[in-house]
Amino acid sequence: MTETSNTPKRSILRHLPLLVVLVVAVIGAFTLRDYLSFDTLRDNRESLLAYRDQNFAGLVVLFLAVYITIVAFSLPGAAVASVTGGFLFGLAAGTLFNVSAATIGAAAIFTAARLGLGDLLAAKLEASEGRMQKFKTGLRENEVPVLLLIRLVPAVPFFVANLLPALVGVRFRTFLWTTALGIIPGAIVFTWIGVGLGEVFDRGGDPDLSLLWEPHIIGPILALCALATLPIIINSIRSKKEARG
């Protein structure tokens, strides 16, 4: 009787982290959008720069904590945080901090999803047949290039790229290193925008995030996407040849 009553409790506890993420994400979408903005950064830039000069390590810890929270709970403001990293720390250090925080936050939401729905869906996928069996096999064969591709394609929302791998049984280690590697190109662009943010504010303007779609920026990123797609195409051709043979 005790074991039976404990089973639903354990099931609820397993889903609790993801439920917390979803609730906080919904609340944050309605309450934080006006605060995690470039206007807020503009209004507080002098205080942030002064604090950086007085306590660099403390600001780094604070920045990482805020950025990790934004990513882990899918809150609005990830682009603002990335640009802020460049504004406060420069291109090299800013990119390092942005990539580190985004990767840790992604790992947190991946783990929350895996503890709940992820294990259940992965088990069903493992026991499936027919089309789902082909999907599972294709995913296993192309796991790394697919993960890199969804990180490189700018059109894929970051929270989708964090949740989807957890729900289809991707290994945590593979998810972690492909995330860290795949977000570097985009992180460099956003950090680069942040480096020149002071001059933009002085002119009374706003950061031009459309820079990401400039040919000299999006071109190399699309080339990396094509490179990530190549192993998938090769494996697909090879599988068709083996099926015919």
Protein backbone atom coordinates (compact mmCIF):
# COMPACT_ATOMS: atom_id res chain seq x y z
CA MET A 1 0.00 0.00 0.00
CA THR A 2 2.83 2.34 0.92
CA GLU A 3 4.73 1.64 -2.31
CA THR A 4 1.55 2.27 -4.33
CA SER A 5 0.90 5.59 -2.61
CA ASN A 6 4.54 6.66 -3.00
CA THR A 7 4.56 6.01 -6.76
CA PRO A 8 2.27 8.96 -7.68
CA LYS A 9 4.28 11.20 -5.34
CA ARG A 10 7.54 10.23 -7.04
CA SER A 11 5.93 10.79 -10.42
CA ILE A 12 4.81 14.29 -9.41
CA LEU A 13 8.24 15.10 -8.00
CA ARG A 14 9.87 14.03 -11.27
CA HIS A 15 7.68 16.45 -13.21
CA LEU A 16 7.99 19.26 -10.68
CA PRO A 17 11.22 20.86 -12.08
CA LEU A 18 9.76 21.18 -15.59
CA LEU A 19 6.45 22.46 -14.21
CA VAL A 20 8.35 25.12 -12.26
CA VAL A 21 10.23 26.12 -15.41
CA LEU A 22 7.00 26.42 -17.39
CA VAL A 23 5.21 28.44 -14.70
CA VAL A 24 8.14 30.84 -14.23
CA ALA A 25 8.51 31.19 -18.02
CA VAL A 26 4.84 32.17 -18.42
CA ILE A 27 4.95 34.62 -15.50
CA GLY A 28 8.24 36.08 -16.72
CA ALA A 29 6.91 36.59 -20.24
CA PHE A 30 4.25 38.96 -18.89
CA THR A 31 6.12 40.64 -16.03
CA LEU A 32 9.80 40.95 -17.01
CA ARG A 33 9.70 42.00 -20.66
CA ASP A 34 9.85 45.71 -19.77
CA TYR A 35 12.70 45.21 -17.30
CA LEU A 36 15.05 42.92 -19.26
CA SER A 37 15.42 45.43 -22.09
CA PHE A 38 17.94 47.73 -23.71
CA ASP A 39 16.18 50.70 -22.10
CA THR A 40 16.97 49.27 -18.68
CA LEU A 41 20.58 48.74 -19.72
CA ARG A 42 20.80 52.31 -21.04
CA ASP A 43 19.38 53.75 -17.82
CA ASN A 44 21.78 51.78 -15.61
CA ARG A 45 24.92 51.65 -17.73
CA GLU A 46 26.90 54.16 -15.66
CA SER A 47 26.17 52.24 -12.45
CA LEU A 48 27.10 48.94 -14.07
CA LEU A 49 30.38 50.28 -15.45
CA ALA A 50 31.24 51.83 -12.08
CA TYR A 51 30.48 48.55 -10.30
CA ARG A 52 32.57 46.66 -12.87
CA ASP A 53 35.56 48.90 -12.21
CA GLN A 54 35.20 48.47 -8.45
CA ASN A 55 34.31 44.78 -8.28
CA PHE A 56 34.96 42.98 -11.56
CA ALA A 57 34.68 39.45 -10.12
CA GLY A 58 31.44 40.31 -8.36
CA LEU A 59 29.88 41.65 -11.55
CA VAL A 60 30.97 38.54 -13.46
CA VAL A 61 29.25 36.30 -10.89
CA LEU A 62 26.12 38.48 -10.96
CA PHE A 63 26.05 38.53 -14.76
CA LEU A 64 26.44 34.76 -15.02
CA ALA A 65 23.72 34.17 -12.41
CA VAL A 66 21.24 36.45 -14.21
CA TYR A 67 22.02 35.01 -17.66
CA ILE A 68 21.79 31.40 -16.44
CA THR A 69 18.42 32.16 -14.83
CA ILE A 70 17.13 33.75 -18.04
CA VAL A 71 18.06 30.69 -20.10
CA ALA A 72 17.08 28.06 -17.52
CA PHE A 73 13.58 29.50 -17.17
CA SER A 74 13.21 30.63 -20.81
CA LEU A 75 12.69 34.23 -19.71
CA PRO A 76 12.70 37.16 -22.14
CA GLY A 77 15.99 39.03 -22.40
CA ALA A 78 18.55 36.49 -23.65
CA ALA A 79 19.57 38.77 -26.54
CA VAL A 80 19.85 41.72 -24.15
CA ALA A 81 22.02 39.62 -21.83
CA SER A 82 24.32 38.58 -24.68
CA VAL A 83 24.77 42.16 -25.85
CA THR A 84 25.34 43.25 -22.24
CA GLY A 85 28.16 40.72 -21.98
CA GLY A 86 29.98 42.46 -24.81
CA PHE A 87 29.21 45.92 -23.41
CA LEU A 88 30.60 45.11 -19.96
CA PHE A 89 33.44 42.68 -20.66
CA GLY A 90 34.59 43.14 -24.25
CA LEU A 91 34.58 40.67 -27.13
CA ALA A 92 36.82 37.87 -25.81
CA ALA A 93 35.70 37.75 -22.16
CA GLY A 94 32.13 38.65 -23.08
CA THR A 95 31.87 35.76 -25.55
CA LEU A 96 33.34 33.37 -22.98
CA PHE A 97 30.86 34.46 -20.30
CA ASN A 98 27.91 34.42 -22.72
CA VAL A 99 28.68 30.92 -24.00
CA SER A 100 29.31 29.59 -20.48
CA ALA A 101 26.10 31.03 -19.02
CA ALA A 102 23.94 29.97 -21.98
CA THR A 103 25.36 26.44 -21.87
CA ILE A 104 24.80 26.07 -18.12
CA GLY A 105 21.26 27.43 -18.40
CA ALA A 106 20.54 25.10 -21.31
CA ALA A 107 21.87 22.15 -19.29
CA ALA A 108 19.54 23.08 -16.42
CA ILE A 109 16.37 23.16 -18.53
CA PHE A 110 17.49 19.99 -20.37
CA THR A 111 17.85 18.21 -17.01
CA ALA A 112 14.45 19.46 -15.81
CA ALA A 113 12.80 18.19 -18.99
CA ARG A 114 14.68 14.87 -18.89
CA LEU A 115 13.62 14.18 -15.30
CA GLY A 116 9.99 14.57 -16.26
CA LEU A 117 8.62 13.97 -19.73
CA GLY A 118 12.00 13.19 -21.25
CA ASP A 119 12.50 9.75 -19.70
CA LEU A 120 8.90 8.76 -20.45
CA LEU A 121 9.05 9.83 -24.11
CA ALA A 122 12.53 8.35 -24.56
CA ALA A 123 11.29 4.98 -23.22
CA LYS A 124 8.31 5.04 -25.59
CA LEU A 125 10.59 5.95 -28.46
CA GLU A 126 12.90 3.08 -27.55
CA ALA A 127 10.02 0.59 -27.61
CA SER A 128 8.40 1.98 -30.74
CA GLU A 129 8.21 0.37 -34.18
CA GLY A 130 7.48 1.46 -37.75
CA ARG A 131 8.01 5.13 -38.54
CA MET A 132 8.99 5.95 -34.98
CA GLN A 133 11.63 3.22 -35.14
CA LYS A 134 13.04 4.81 -38.31
CA PHE A 135 13.00 8.22 -36.63
CA LYS A 136 14.86 6.82 -33.61
CA THR A 137 17.46 5.13 -35.81
CA GLY A 138 17.94 8.26 -37.90
CA LEU A 139 18.34 10.37 -34.80
CA ARG A 140 20.94 8.04 -33.33
CA GLU A 141 22.93 8.02 -36.57
CA ASN A 142 22.84 11.81 -36.95
CA GLU A 143 22.64 12.94 -33.33
CA VAL A 144 25.66 15.27 -33.36
CA PRO A 145 25.04 17.02 -36.72
CA VAL A 146 21.34 17.49 -35.89
CA LEU A 147 22.17 19.06 -32.52
CA LEU A 148 24.76 21.34 -34.08
CA LEU A 149 22.33 22.29 -36.84
CA ILE A 150 19.54 23.38 -34.51
CA ARG A 151 22.05 25.52 -32.61
CA LEU A 152 23.43 27.15 -35.73
CA VAL A 153 20.14 27.92 -37.48
CA PRO A 154 19.07 31.37 -36.20
CA ALA A 155 15.38 30.60 -36.82
CA VAL A 156 15.27 27.82 -34.18
CA PRO A 157 14.18 29.32 -30.80
CA PHE A 158 16.73 28.65 -28.08
CA PHE A 159 14.21 27.07 -25.68
CA VAL A 160 13.11 24.64 -28.40
CA ALA A 161 16.73 23.62 -28.98
CA ASN A 162 17.01 23.02 -25.22
CA LEU A 163 13.80 21.05 -24.72
CA LEU A 164 13.58 18.92 -27.86
CA PRO A 165 16.81 16.93 -27.31
CA ALA A 166 15.73 16.11 -23.75
CA LEU A 167 12.38 14.81 -24.96
CA VAL A 168 13.84 12.44 -27.57
CA GLY A 169 16.52 10.84 -25.42
CA VAL A 170 19.69 12.67 -26.46
CA ARG A 171 22.61 11.92 -24.14
CA PHE A 172 23.45 14.74 -21.73
CA ARG A 173 27.16 14.78 -22.57
CA THR A 174 26.46 15.09 -26.29
CA PHE A 175 23.87 17.80 -25.65
CA LEU A 176 26.31 19.75 -23.49
CA TRP A 177 29.28 19.92 -25.85
CA THR A 178 27.22 20.47 -29.01
CA THR A 179 25.41 23.32 -27.25
CA ALA A 180 28.65 24.98 -26.17
CA LEU A 181 30.15 24.61 -29.64
CA GLY A 182 27.04 25.38 -31.67
CA ILE A 183 26.18 28.68 -29.98
CA ILE A 184 29.65 30.21 -30.39
CA PRO A 185 29.04 31.88 -33.81
CA GLY A 186 25.84 33.58 -32.65
CA ALA A 187 27.40 34.51 -29.30
CA ILE A 188 30.27 36.24 -31.07
CA VAL A 189 27.85 38.32 -33.16
CA PHE A 190 25.74 39.46 -30.20
CA THR A 191 28.82 40.14 -28.07
CA TRP A 192 30.34 42.10 -30.94
CA ILE A 193 27.22 44.28 -31.08
CA GLY A 194 27.58 44.91 -27.36
CA VAL A 195 31.18 46.06 -27.67
CA GLY A 196 30.03 49.17 -29.55
CA LEU A 197 26.90 49.70 -27.47
CA GLY A 198 28.25 52.71 -25.56
CA GLU A 199 28.60 54.73 -28.76
CA VAL A 200 25.10 53.70 -29.85
CA PHE A 201 23.64 54.91 -26.54
CA ASP A 202 25.58 58.17 -26.79
CA ARG A 203 23.89 58.81 -30.14
CA GLY A 204 20.52 58.08 -28.57
CA GLY A 205 20.03 54.94 -30.67
CA ASP A 206 19.22 51.29 -30.01
CA PRO A 207 21.37 48.24 -30.80
CA ASP A 208 20.88 47.01 -34.35
CA LEU A 209 20.24 43.29 -33.90
CA SER A 210 19.41 43.03 -37.59
CA LEU A 211 23.17 42.86 -38.06
CA LEU A 212 22.78 39.10 -37.65
CA TRP A 213 21.06 38.98 -41.05
CA GLU A 214 23.74 40.93 -42.91
CA PRO A 215 25.29 38.81 -45.72
CA HIS A 216 28.79 38.93 -44.23
CA ILE A 217 27.41 37.61 -40.92
CA ILE A 218 24.66 35.20 -41.92
CA GLY A 219 26.74 33.83 -44.81
CA PRO A 220 29.38 32.08 -42.66
CA ILE A 221 26.68 30.85 -40.26
CA LEU A 222 24.72 29.31 -43.13
CA ALA A 223 27.96 27.75 -44.38
CA LEU A 224 28.38 26.11 -40.97
CA CYS A 225 24.77 24.92 -41.20
CA ALA A 226 25.52 23.33 -44.57
CA LEU A 227 28.59 21.68 -43.06
CA ALA A 228 26.50 20.27 -40.21
CA THR A 229 23.91 19.01 -42.71
CA LEU A 230 26.48 17.17 -44.84
CA PRO A 231 26.87 14.10 -42.52
CA ILE A 232 23.06 13.77 -42.40
CA ILE A 233 22.86 13.69 -46.21
CA ILE A 234 25.74 11.21 -46.46
CA ASN A 235 24.18 8.88 -43.87
CA SER A 236 20.82 9.09 -45.65
CA ILE A 237 22.36 8.16 -49.01
CA ARG A 238 24.33 5.34 -47.41
CA SER A 239 21.23 3.95 -45.68
CA LYS A 240 19.25 3.96 -48.94
CA LYS A 241 22.08 2.13 -50.74
CA GLU A 242 22.26 -0.49 -47.98
CA ALA A 243 18.46 -0.96 -48.11
CA ARG A 244 18.59 -1.54 -51.85
CA GLY A 245 21.57 -3.85 -51.57
